[in-house]
N, C-alpha and C. Protein backbone atom coordinates (compact mmCIF):
# COMPACT_ATOMS: atom_id res chain seq x y z
N MET A 1 15.52 4.03 0.86
CA MET A 1 15.73 3.81 -0.60
C MET A 1 15.00 5.19 -1.31
N PRO A 2 15.83 5.91 -2.04
CA PRO A 2 15.28 7.01 -2.62
C PRO A 2 14.10 6.83 -3.48
N PRO A 3 13.22 7.69 -3.49
CA PRO A 3 11.94 7.53 -4.36
C PRO A 3 12.06 7.18 -5.78
N GLU A 4 13.23 7.80 -6.42
CA GLU A 4 13.49 7.62 -7.79
C GLU A 4 13.95 6.11 -7.95
N GLU A 5 14.54 5.51 -7.02
CA GLU A 5 14.88 4.17 -7.18
C GLU A 5 13.77 3.24 -7.25
N LEU A 6 12.70 3.52 -6.41
CA LEU A 6 11.42 2.87 -6.29
C LEU A 6 10.76 2.80 -7.69
N THR A 7 10.63 3.95 -8.21
CA THR A 7 10.12 4.24 -9.51
C THR A 7 10.77 3.39 -10.56
N GLU A 8 12.03 3.66 -10.60
CA GLU A 8 12.94 2.85 -11.59
C GLU A 8 12.71 1.38 -11.37
N PHE A 9 12.72 0.77 -10.37
CA PHE A 9 12.66 -0.54 -10.05
C PHE A 9 11.32 -1.08 -10.85
N TRP A 10 10.19 -0.41 -10.61
CA TRP A 10 8.98 -0.97 -11.14
C TRP A 10 8.99 -0.60 -12.64
N ARG A 11 9.36 0.58 -13.11
CA ARG A 11 9.58 0.86 -14.64
C ARG A 11 10.32 -0.26 -15.29
N THR A 12 11.45 -0.59 -14.85
CA THR A 12 12.32 -1.63 -15.44
C THR A 12 11.51 -2.93 -15.64
N ARG A 13 10.58 -3.19 -14.88
CA ARG A 13 9.84 -4.52 -14.87
C ARG A 13 8.37 -4.33 -15.65
N GLY A 14 8.44 -3.05 -16.26
CA GLY A 14 7.11 -2.78 -17.07
C GLY A 14 5.95 -2.58 -16.30
N VAL A 15 6.03 -2.22 -15.06
CA VAL A 15 4.85 -1.95 -14.15
C VAL A 15 4.59 -0.49 -14.12
N ALA A 16 3.43 -0.14 -14.46
CA ALA A 16 3.06 1.29 -14.28
C ALA A 16 2.54 1.58 -12.98
N LEU A 17 3.03 2.50 -12.44
CA LEU A 17 2.66 2.98 -10.94
C LEU A 17 1.33 3.83 -11.18
N HIS A 18 0.47 3.64 -10.10
CA HIS A 18 -0.74 4.50 -10.09
C HIS A 18 -0.38 5.62 -9.25
N CYS A 19 -0.44 6.85 -9.65
CA CYS A 19 -0.58 8.13 -8.83
C CYS A 19 -1.74 8.61 -8.53
N TYR A 20 -1.87 9.32 -7.42
CA TYR A 20 -3.06 9.76 -6.81
C TYR A 20 -2.84 11.33 -6.88
N GLY A 21 -3.68 11.96 -7.64
CA GLY A 21 -3.65 13.58 -7.72
C GLY A 21 -4.08 14.25 -6.38
N PRO A 22 -3.68 15.47 -6.26
CA PRO A 22 -4.01 16.20 -5.09
C PRO A 22 -5.50 16.32 -4.81
N GLU A 23 -6.39 16.25 -5.79
CA GLU A 23 -7.81 16.16 -5.62
C GLU A 23 -8.32 14.99 -5.14
N ALA A 24 -7.54 13.74 -5.24
CA ALA A 24 -7.93 12.52 -4.77
C ALA A 24 -7.58 12.26 -3.25
N THR A 25 -6.67 13.15 -2.78
CA THR A 25 -6.09 12.83 -1.33
C THR A 25 -6.42 14.10 -0.56
N ALA A 26 -6.91 15.18 -0.97
CA ALA A 26 -7.25 16.48 -0.25
C ALA A 26 -8.01 16.24 0.85
N SER A 27 -8.98 15.47 0.84
CA SER A 27 -10.03 15.59 2.07
C SER A 27 -9.87 14.22 2.89
N LEU A 28 -8.78 13.52 2.74
CA LEU A 28 -8.69 12.29 3.49
C LEU A 28 -7.74 12.46 4.79
N GLY A 29 -7.21 13.60 5.04
CA GLY A 29 -6.59 13.84 6.47
C GLY A 29 -5.14 13.23 6.50
N LEU A 30 -4.63 13.12 5.30
CA LEU A 30 -3.38 12.41 4.97
C LEU A 30 -2.22 13.46 5.30
N GLN A 31 -0.99 13.01 5.79
CA GLN A 31 0.17 13.85 5.93
C GLN A 31 0.54 14.46 4.72
N PRO A 32 1.09 15.69 4.70
CA PRO A 32 1.65 16.13 3.40
C PRO A 32 2.75 15.33 2.70
N ALA A 33 3.54 14.66 3.49
CA ALA A 33 4.64 13.75 2.92
C ALA A 33 3.94 12.50 2.27
N THR A 34 2.95 11.97 2.86
CA THR A 34 2.24 10.89 2.24
C THR A 34 1.51 11.18 0.94
N ARG A 35 0.92 12.45 0.98
CA ARG A 35 0.16 12.98 -0.17
C ARG A 35 1.14 13.15 -1.33
N HIS A 36 2.36 13.74 -0.94
CA HIS A 36 3.35 14.00 -1.96
C HIS A 36 3.87 12.70 -2.60
N PHE A 37 4.05 11.58 -1.68
CA PHE A 37 4.51 10.32 -2.27
C PHE A 37 3.30 9.71 -3.14
N LEU A 38 2.23 9.85 -2.75
CA LEU A 38 1.09 9.32 -3.52
C LEU A 38 1.02 9.94 -4.87
N ALA A 39 1.31 11.33 -4.92
CA ALA A 39 1.15 11.97 -6.14
C ALA A 39 2.33 11.80 -7.05
N THR A 40 3.47 11.56 -6.50
CA THR A 40 4.65 11.65 -7.28
C THR A 40 5.31 10.09 -7.62
N GLN A 41 5.09 9.31 -6.66
CA GLN A 41 5.72 7.98 -6.80
C GLN A 41 4.48 6.96 -7.08
N GLY A 42 3.34 6.97 -6.24
CA GLY A 42 2.31 5.98 -6.51
C GLY A 42 2.57 4.62 -6.02
N LEU A 43 1.71 3.78 -6.37
CA LEU A 43 1.72 2.30 -6.05
C LEU A 43 1.46 1.52 -7.15
N PRO A 44 2.10 0.26 -7.20
CA PRO A 44 1.82 -0.57 -8.29
C PRO A 44 0.45 -1.23 -8.24
N PRO A 45 0.00 -1.76 -9.29
CA PRO A 45 -1.33 -2.46 -9.23
C PRO A 45 -1.43 -3.63 -8.29
N ASP A 46 -0.31 -4.26 -8.24
CA ASP A 46 -0.16 -5.45 -7.15
C ASP A 46 1.36 -5.70 -6.88
N SER A 47 1.48 -6.47 -5.83
CA SER A 47 2.91 -6.86 -5.53
C SER A 47 2.88 -8.06 -4.67
N ALA A 48 4.04 -8.80 -4.74
CA ALA A 48 4.19 -9.88 -3.69
C ALA A 48 4.27 -9.15 -2.22
N PRO A 49 3.81 -9.79 -1.30
CA PRO A 49 3.17 -11.25 -1.17
C PRO A 49 1.79 -10.93 -1.31
N PHE A 50 1.05 -11.10 -2.40
CA PHE A 50 -0.43 -11.22 -2.63
C PHE A 50 -1.19 -9.97 -2.16
N LEU A 51 -0.47 -8.94 -2.61
CA LEU A 51 -1.23 -7.71 -2.30
C LEU A 51 -1.80 -6.99 -3.62
N ASP A 52 -2.74 -6.31 -3.51
CA ASP A 52 -3.42 -5.52 -4.47
C ASP A 52 -3.72 -4.14 -4.11
N PHE A 53 -3.50 -3.14 -4.95
CA PHE A 53 -3.68 -1.69 -4.54
C PHE A 53 -4.81 -1.01 -5.33
N ASP A 54 -5.47 -0.23 -4.76
CA ASP A 54 -6.78 0.48 -5.16
C ASP A 54 -6.25 1.79 -6.17
N THR A 55 -7.13 1.93 -7.04
CA THR A 55 -6.99 3.09 -7.87
C THR A 55 -7.62 4.32 -7.31
N VAL A 56 -8.62 4.14 -6.28
CA VAL A 56 -9.25 4.98 -5.57
C VAL A 56 -9.12 4.99 -4.11
N LEU A 57 -8.85 5.82 -3.40
CA LEU A 57 -8.57 5.98 -1.97
C LEU A 57 -9.98 6.30 -1.25
N VAL A 58 -10.28 5.46 -0.30
CA VAL A 58 -11.64 5.75 0.36
C VAL A 58 -11.52 5.39 1.87
N PRO A 59 -11.97 6.18 2.75
CA PRO A 59 -12.16 5.88 4.21
C PRO A 59 -12.86 4.52 4.28
N VAL A 60 -12.24 3.54 5.21
CA VAL A 60 -12.82 2.42 5.44
C VAL A 60 -14.24 2.37 6.02
N GLY A 61 -14.36 3.35 6.96
CA GLY A 61 -15.69 3.40 7.64
C GLY A 61 -16.93 3.69 6.58
N ARG A 62 -16.61 4.52 5.52
CA ARG A 62 -17.46 4.69 4.44
C ARG A 62 -17.65 3.55 3.59
N LEU A 63 -16.57 2.87 3.05
CA LEU A 63 -16.54 1.79 2.23
C LEU A 63 -17.26 0.47 2.74
N TYR A 64 -17.05 0.10 4.08
CA TYR A 64 -17.65 -1.03 4.60
C TYR A 64 -18.65 -0.67 5.50
N ARG A 65 -19.20 0.60 5.43
CA ARG A 65 -20.32 1.06 6.30
C ARG A 65 -20.05 0.66 7.79
N LEU A 66 -18.94 1.12 8.14
CA LEU A 66 -18.54 0.75 9.71
C LEU A 66 -18.66 1.93 10.60
N GLY A 67 -19.03 3.04 9.79
CA GLY A 67 -19.20 4.38 10.71
C GLY A 67 -18.16 5.24 10.72
N ALA A 68 -18.22 6.31 11.17
CA ALA A 68 -17.26 7.39 11.30
C ALA A 68 -16.05 6.98 12.07
N GLY A 69 -16.17 6.05 13.01
CA GLY A 69 -15.04 5.66 13.90
C GLY A 69 -13.91 4.99 13.18
N PHE A 70 -14.23 4.51 11.91
CA PHE A 70 -13.17 4.00 11.10
C PHE A 70 -12.76 4.84 9.85
N ASP A 71 -13.17 6.13 9.86
CA ASP A 71 -12.79 7.03 8.79
C ASP A 71 -11.42 7.38 8.80
N HIS A 72 -10.57 7.25 9.91
CA HIS A 72 -9.25 7.60 9.99
C HIS A 72 -8.44 6.54 9.23
N TYR A 73 -8.95 5.41 8.86
CA TYR A 73 -8.30 4.47 8.20
C TYR A 73 -8.64 4.56 6.66
N ILE A 74 -7.62 4.84 5.71
CA ILE A 74 -7.80 4.99 4.24
C ILE A 74 -7.30 3.95 3.53
N ARG A 75 -8.20 3.20 2.88
CA ARG A 75 -7.90 2.04 2.36
C ARG A 75 -6.98 2.16 1.01
N ILE A 76 -5.91 1.47 0.91
CA ILE A 76 -5.09 1.75 -0.18
C ILE A 76 -5.02 0.42 -1.04
N GLY A 77 -5.55 -0.67 -0.45
CA GLY A 77 -5.58 -1.97 -1.10
C GLY A 77 -5.92 -3.05 -0.24
N SER A 78 -5.60 -4.35 -0.52
CA SER A 78 -6.00 -5.48 0.26
C SER A 78 -4.95 -6.67 0.19
N ASP A 79 -4.89 -7.50 1.10
CA ASP A 79 -4.02 -8.63 1.15
C ASP A 79 -4.70 -9.81 0.42
N GLY A 80 -4.20 -10.88 0.30
CA GLY A 80 -4.64 -12.08 -0.37
C GLY A 80 -5.96 -12.75 0.24
N ALA A 81 -6.18 -12.32 1.60
CA ALA A 81 -7.22 -12.66 2.44
C ALA A 81 -8.46 -11.75 2.34
N GLY A 82 -8.36 -10.73 1.57
CA GLY A 82 -9.34 -9.66 1.52
C GLY A 82 -9.36 -8.66 2.66
N ASN A 83 -8.38 -8.71 3.47
CA ASN A 83 -8.22 -7.57 4.59
C ASN A 83 -7.88 -6.24 3.85
N PRO A 84 -8.44 -5.27 4.34
CA PRO A 84 -8.12 -3.95 3.84
C PRO A 84 -6.67 -3.54 4.26
N LEU A 85 -5.92 -3.11 3.43
CA LEU A 85 -4.63 -2.54 3.60
C LEU A 85 -4.77 -1.01 3.76
N VAL A 86 -4.38 -0.36 4.86
CA VAL A 86 -4.83 1.01 5.15
C VAL A 86 -3.70 1.93 5.61
N LEU A 87 -3.90 3.22 5.39
CA LEU A 87 -3.09 4.33 6.08
C LEU A 87 -3.79 4.72 7.26
N ASN A 88 -3.34 4.69 8.35
CA ASN A 88 -4.07 5.15 9.64
C ASN A 88 -3.66 6.63 9.92
N THR A 89 -4.64 7.53 9.62
CA THR A 89 -4.27 8.89 9.65
C THR A 89 -4.20 9.34 11.18
N ALA A 90 -4.82 8.55 12.11
CA ALA A 90 -4.68 8.85 13.31
C ALA A 90 -3.11 8.42 14.13
N ALA A 91 -2.39 7.91 13.32
CA ALA A 91 -1.16 7.47 13.62
C ALA A 91 -0.08 7.72 12.66
N ASP A 92 -0.18 9.05 12.09
CA ASP A 92 0.85 9.64 11.18
C ASP A 92 0.79 8.74 9.82
N ASP A 93 -0.28 8.34 9.51
CA ASP A 93 -0.24 7.44 8.18
C ASP A 93 0.43 6.25 8.14
N ARG A 94 0.45 5.54 9.45
CA ARG A 94 1.18 4.24 9.52
C ARG A 94 0.40 3.32 8.71
N VAL A 95 1.13 2.34 7.96
CA VAL A 95 0.35 1.41 7.21
C VAL A 95 0.04 0.19 8.17
N GLU A 96 -1.08 -0.27 7.98
CA GLU A 96 -1.88 -1.29 8.87
C GLU A 96 -2.79 -2.13 7.90
N VAL A 97 -2.93 -3.39 8.40
CA VAL A 97 -4.00 -4.12 7.91
C VAL A 97 -5.03 -4.34 8.85
N LEU A 98 -6.25 -4.35 8.32
CA LEU A 98 -7.50 -4.45 9.33
C LEU A 98 -8.16 -5.79 9.04
N ASP A 99 -7.91 -6.62 10.11
CA ASP A 99 -8.44 -8.02 10.04
C ASP A 99 -9.97 -8.13 10.00
N HIS A 100 -10.47 -8.31 8.95
CA HIS A 100 -12.04 -8.37 8.77
C HIS A 100 -12.63 -9.61 9.46
N GLU A 101 -11.88 -10.66 9.84
CA GLU A 101 -12.61 -11.60 10.37
C GLU A 101 -12.57 -11.49 12.06
N ALA A 102 -11.72 -10.34 12.43
CA ALA A 102 -11.78 -9.84 13.86
C ALA A 102 -12.15 -8.60 14.12
N ASP A 103 -13.28 -8.27 13.52
CA ASP A 103 -13.99 -6.99 13.69
C ASP A 103 -13.08 -5.73 13.19
N PHE A 104 -12.39 -6.05 12.15
CA PHE A 104 -11.43 -5.02 11.65
C PHE A 104 -10.30 -4.53 12.50
N LEU A 105 -9.91 -5.57 13.41
CA LEU A 105 -8.76 -5.17 14.40
C LEU A 105 -7.40 -4.74 13.51
N PRO A 106 -6.97 -3.53 13.80
CA PRO A 106 -5.73 -3.29 13.09
C PRO A 106 -4.45 -4.05 13.49
N GLN A 107 -3.62 -4.26 12.45
CA GLN A 107 -2.35 -4.98 12.60
C GLN A 107 -1.24 -4.16 12.01
N TYR A 108 -0.31 -3.86 12.70
CA TYR A 108 0.88 -2.94 12.16
C TYR A 108 1.60 -3.73 10.97
N VAL A 109 1.82 -2.88 9.83
CA VAL A 109 2.57 -3.40 8.73
C VAL A 109 3.92 -2.65 8.60
N ASN A 110 3.72 -1.20 8.65
CA ASN A 110 5.03 -0.48 8.47
C ASN A 110 4.77 1.05 8.98
N GLN A 111 5.80 1.72 9.37
CA GLN A 111 5.64 2.99 9.90
C GLN A 111 5.23 3.93 8.88
N SER A 112 5.57 3.93 7.67
CA SER A 112 5.21 5.02 6.67
C SER A 112 4.96 4.31 5.22
N LEU A 113 4.28 5.08 4.34
CA LEU A 113 4.08 4.57 3.13
C LEU A 113 5.38 4.46 2.33
N PRO A 114 6.28 5.41 2.34
CA PRO A 114 7.67 5.30 1.74
C PRO A 114 8.40 4.00 2.19
N ALA A 115 8.38 3.79 3.48
CA ALA A 115 9.20 2.61 4.07
C ALA A 115 8.36 1.34 3.54
N PHE A 116 7.07 1.27 3.46
CA PHE A 116 6.23 0.24 3.10
C PHE A 116 6.69 -0.12 1.57
N ALA A 117 6.69 1.00 0.87
CA ALA A 117 7.10 0.80 -0.56
C ALA A 117 8.29 0.23 -0.84
N ALA A 118 9.33 0.61 0.01
CA ALA A 118 10.67 0.02 -0.17
C ALA A 118 10.57 -1.31 0.34
N SER A 119 9.82 -1.66 1.19
CA SER A 119 9.69 -3.09 1.69
C SER A 119 9.13 -4.02 0.48
N LEU A 120 8.24 -3.44 -0.19
CA LEU A 120 7.70 -4.19 -1.44
C LEU A 120 8.81 -4.58 -2.39
N VAL A 121 9.62 -3.60 -2.64
CA VAL A 121 10.65 -3.67 -3.66
C VAL A 121 11.71 -4.75 -3.06
N ALA A 122 12.04 -4.61 -1.74
CA ALA A 122 12.84 -5.73 -1.22
C ALA A 122 12.37 -7.03 -1.27
N TYR A 123 11.12 -7.14 -0.77
CA TYR A 123 10.46 -8.52 -0.95
C TYR A 123 10.43 -8.98 -2.36
N THR A 124 10.09 -8.23 -3.45
CA THR A 124 10.10 -8.53 -4.84
C THR A 124 11.38 -9.08 -5.30
N ARG A 125 12.47 -8.31 -4.85
CA ARG A 125 13.87 -8.56 -5.25
C ARG A 125 14.20 -10.00 -4.59
N PHE A 126 13.72 -10.29 -3.36
CA PHE A 126 14.12 -11.45 -2.60
C PHE A 126 13.43 -12.64 -3.41
N VAL A 127 12.14 -12.42 -3.80
CA VAL A 127 11.43 -13.56 -4.48
C VAL A 127 12.03 -13.83 -5.85
N GLN A 128 12.53 -12.75 -6.63
CA GLN A 128 13.33 -13.01 -7.89
C GLN A 128 14.54 -13.74 -7.51
N GLU A 129 15.33 -13.41 -6.52
CA GLU A 129 16.68 -13.86 -6.33
C GLU A 129 16.38 -15.44 -5.94
N VAL A 130 15.45 -15.73 -5.16
CA VAL A 130 15.03 -17.32 -4.80
C VAL A 130 14.93 -17.99 -6.07
N GLN A 131 13.92 -17.31 -6.96
CA GLN A 131 13.49 -17.99 -8.12
C GLN A 131 14.80 -18.25 -9.16
N THR A 132 15.67 -17.29 -9.04
CA THR A 132 16.92 -17.43 -10.00
C THR A 132 17.92 -18.39 -9.25
N THR A 133 18.13 -18.39 -8.07
CA THR A 133 19.19 -19.19 -7.41
C THR A 133 18.65 -20.72 -7.14
N ARG A 134 17.39 -20.77 -6.90
CA ARG A 134 16.82 -22.02 -6.38
C ARG A 134 16.01 -22.77 -7.29
N GLY A 135 15.68 -22.00 -8.47
CA GLY A 135 14.83 -22.48 -9.64
C GLY A 135 13.26 -22.72 -9.14
N VAL A 136 13.06 -22.11 -8.05
CA VAL A 136 11.64 -21.94 -7.51
C VAL A 136 10.73 -21.07 -8.41
N ARG A 137 9.69 -21.65 -8.90
CA ARG A 137 8.59 -20.84 -9.61
C ARG A 137 7.46 -20.27 -8.81
N TRP A 138 7.58 -19.14 -8.14
CA TRP A 138 6.52 -18.54 -7.48
C TRP A 138 6.51 -17.15 -7.87
N SER A 139 5.51 -16.61 -8.25
CA SER A 139 5.44 -15.12 -8.59
C SER A 139 3.94 -14.66 -8.26
N ARG A 140 3.88 -13.32 -8.36
CA ARG A 140 2.58 -12.66 -8.32
C ARG A 140 2.65 -11.57 -9.22
């Protein structure tokens, strides 16, 4: 999905995306493509299924006082259970969730931030279609 289509999807729904300037991402060890995406496309404040996104990006090791061994995980948000949603800089910025009830064990979410952002749009469209065609009221 082209980046412009992602931006337009959220804009037409009245959602302002939060972009992260170069100064916010310079020292995090992110890939240039990820930094570009964060600076030009950004993330919504929240999205189905029960995800919230941060306005400040921080290494998980520092945020949760887990030590430098977790600094390659950059928190971008959290899921509905409070698990950190992260970019794994040791794996080319793969999107993962760290299970806080299992010693922050990483779980795969998506290969890249742009692919993850496209998945958010696809999921939101799916929820809206179900609501329209089935009359189900569930939203986030």
